[in-house]
Protein backbone atom coordinates (compact mmCIF):
# COMPACT_ATOMS: atom_id res chain seq x y z
CA MET A 1 -275.14 107.97 40.45
CA ALA A 2 -272.97 105.47 38.63
CA LEU A 3 -272.61 101.70 38.42
CA GLU A 4 -272.10 101.33 42.18
CA ASN A 5 -275.87 101.93 42.45
CA ILE A 6 -276.76 99.27 39.90
CA TRP A 7 -277.01 95.65 41.06
CA ILE A 8 -277.03 92.65 38.71
CA ALA A 9 -279.04 89.55 39.61
CA THR A 10 -277.13 86.30 39.10
CA LEU A 11 -278.73 82.97 38.28
CA SER A 12 -278.04 81.48 41.72
CA ASP A 13 -275.56 83.65 43.66
CA GLY A 14 -277.69 86.67 44.59
CA LEU A 15 -276.77 90.20 43.55
CA ILE A 16 -273.45 91.72 42.51
CA ARG A 17 -272.65 95.41 42.11
CA ALA A 18 -272.27 96.37 38.48
CA ASP A 19 -269.09 98.35 39.12
CA HIS A 20 -267.36 95.07 40.06
CA VAL A 21 -267.84 93.58 36.58
CA ALA A 22 -264.58 93.32 34.67
CA GLY A 23 -265.72 91.11 31.78
CA ILE A 24 -268.78 89.64 30.04
CA GLU A 25 -268.80 86.38 28.08
CA ALA A 26 -271.10 83.75 26.63
CA HIS A 27 -269.81 80.19 26.57
CA GLN A 28 -271.13 76.69 26.10
CA THR A 29 -271.05 73.99 28.77
CA PRO A 30 -269.82 70.52 27.79
CA GLU A 31 -272.41 67.93 26.85
CA LEU A 32 -272.60 65.20 29.47
CA THR A 33 -274.23 61.78 29.31
CA GLY A 34 -277.95 62.38 29.67
CA LYS A 35 -277.52 66.15 29.89
CA ALA A 36 -277.55 68.49 26.92
CA SER A 37 -275.06 71.31 26.51
CA ARG A 38 -276.23 74.76 27.57
CA TRP A 39 -275.09 78.32 26.86
CA LEU A 40 -274.20 80.53 29.83
CA LEU A 41 -273.95 84.29 30.01
CA ASP A 42 -271.31 85.04 32.65
CA VAL A 43 -269.69 88.10 34.12
CA THR A 44 -266.15 88.09 35.45
CA LEU A 45 -265.64 90.09 38.62
CA ALA A 46 -262.70 92.37 39.25
CA ALA A 47 -261.87 90.55 42.50
CA PRO A 48 -260.14 87.18 42.06
CA ALA A 49 -261.04 84.10 44.10
CA GLY A 50 -258.51 81.85 45.72
CA SER A 51 -258.34 78.43 47.25
CA GLY A 52 -255.48 76.67 48.91
CA THR A 53 -254.11 73.20 49.44
CA ARG A 54 -251.00 71.90 51.13
CA GLU A 55 -249.17 72.34 47.83
CA GLY A 56 -250.01 76.04 47.48
CA TRP A 57 -252.51 78.71 46.76
CA GLU A 58 -254.38 79.05 43.46
CA ILE A 59 -255.93 82.28 42.23
CA ALA A 60 -258.57 82.32 39.48
CA GLN A 61 -261.02 84.78 38.02
CA LEU A 62 -264.38 84.83 39.77
CA HIS A 63 -267.26 84.16 37.36
CA ARG A 64 -270.98 84.54 38.02
CA THR A 65 -273.68 83.20 35.71
CA LEU A 66 -276.50 85.58 34.79
CA ALA A 67 -278.49 83.38 32.40
CA GLN A 68 -278.65 79.91 30.89
CA THR A 69 -280.14 79.17 27.45
CA ASP A 70 -280.50 76.27 25.04
CA GLY A 71 -279.32 78.33 22.07
CA TYR A 72 -276.45 80.71 21.51
CA PRO A 73 -277.31 84.07 23.15
CA SER A 74 -276.34 86.14 20.13
CA ARG A 75 -275.09 89.63 21.05
CA ALA A 76 -276.06 89.19 24.73
CA ALA A 77 -272.63 90.27 25.97
CA GLU A 78 -272.74 93.42 23.83
CA GLU A 79 -276.32 94.15 24.89
CA LEU A 80 -275.40 93.84 28.57
CA ALA A 81 -272.45 96.22 28.10
CA ARG A 82 -274.69 98.67 26.24
CA THR A 83 -277.35 98.48 28.98
CA LEU A 84 -274.78 99.04 31.73
CA ASP A 85 -273.41 102.06 29.88
CA TYR A 86 -276.92 103.47 29.45
CA LEU A 87 -277.70 103.01 33.16
CA ARG A 88 -274.33 104.49 34.16
CA ARG A 89 -275.19 107.74 32.40
CA ARG A 90 -278.56 108.09 34.15
CA ASP A 91 -279.31 109.20 37.69
CA ILE A 92 -280.84 105.85 38.63
CA ALA A 93 -280.39 102.93 41.02
CA GLY A 94 -281.88 99.44 40.94
CA VAL A 95 -281.52 95.81 39.89
CA LEU A 96 -280.76 94.52 36.39
CA ARG A 97 -281.87 90.98 35.49
CA ALA A 98 -281.19 88.77 32.50
CA VAL A 99 -284.49 87.19 31.48
CA VAL A 100 -284.89 84.25 29.09
CA ARG A 101 -288.28 83.95 27.39
CA HIS A 102 -289.03 81.83 24.34
CA GLU A 103 -285.34 81.34 23.52
CA THR A 104 -284.73 85.11 23.68
CA LEU A 105 -282.42 86.64 26.27
CA ARG A 106 -283.11 90.23 27.25
CA PHE A 107 -282.38 92.54 30.17
CA GLU A 108 -284.95 94.07 32.49
CA PHE A 109 -284.22 96.88 34.91
CA PHE A 110 -286.15 97.35 38.15
CA PRO A 111 -285.46 100.75 39.74
CA PHE A 112 -285.44 101.09 43.51
CA ASP A 113 -288.43 102.88 44.98
CA THR A 114 -287.29 106.44 45.60
CA GLY A 115 -290.36 107.42 47.62
CA GLU A 116 -289.97 108.95 51.08
CA ASP A 117 -292.12 106.18 52.65
CA ALA A 118 -289.44 103.51 52.36
């Protein structure tokens, strides 16, 4: 099995297949009146998204947010890449989630039940 059997849970968009991830980044949202800035851990998907108007068609990278934190998620992008590589090399399938607890971002993997009863 490879990354096509690993699914990544997004913050609000459901699941994406890990083999569709083309990039990983952490970035800060702008501070708005009455709303503090937040840090987002995003993945960029290999498939672009487009939208059109009368003036033409615009293509942009498709981003999906995995986690949102108050503080900078130090090394989260590298840790996600390392976790995906580890899972890729194992004969395993399941869902990977980014979990924020007490200002710490970590990744939890939930394997699919491989029992015959399913």
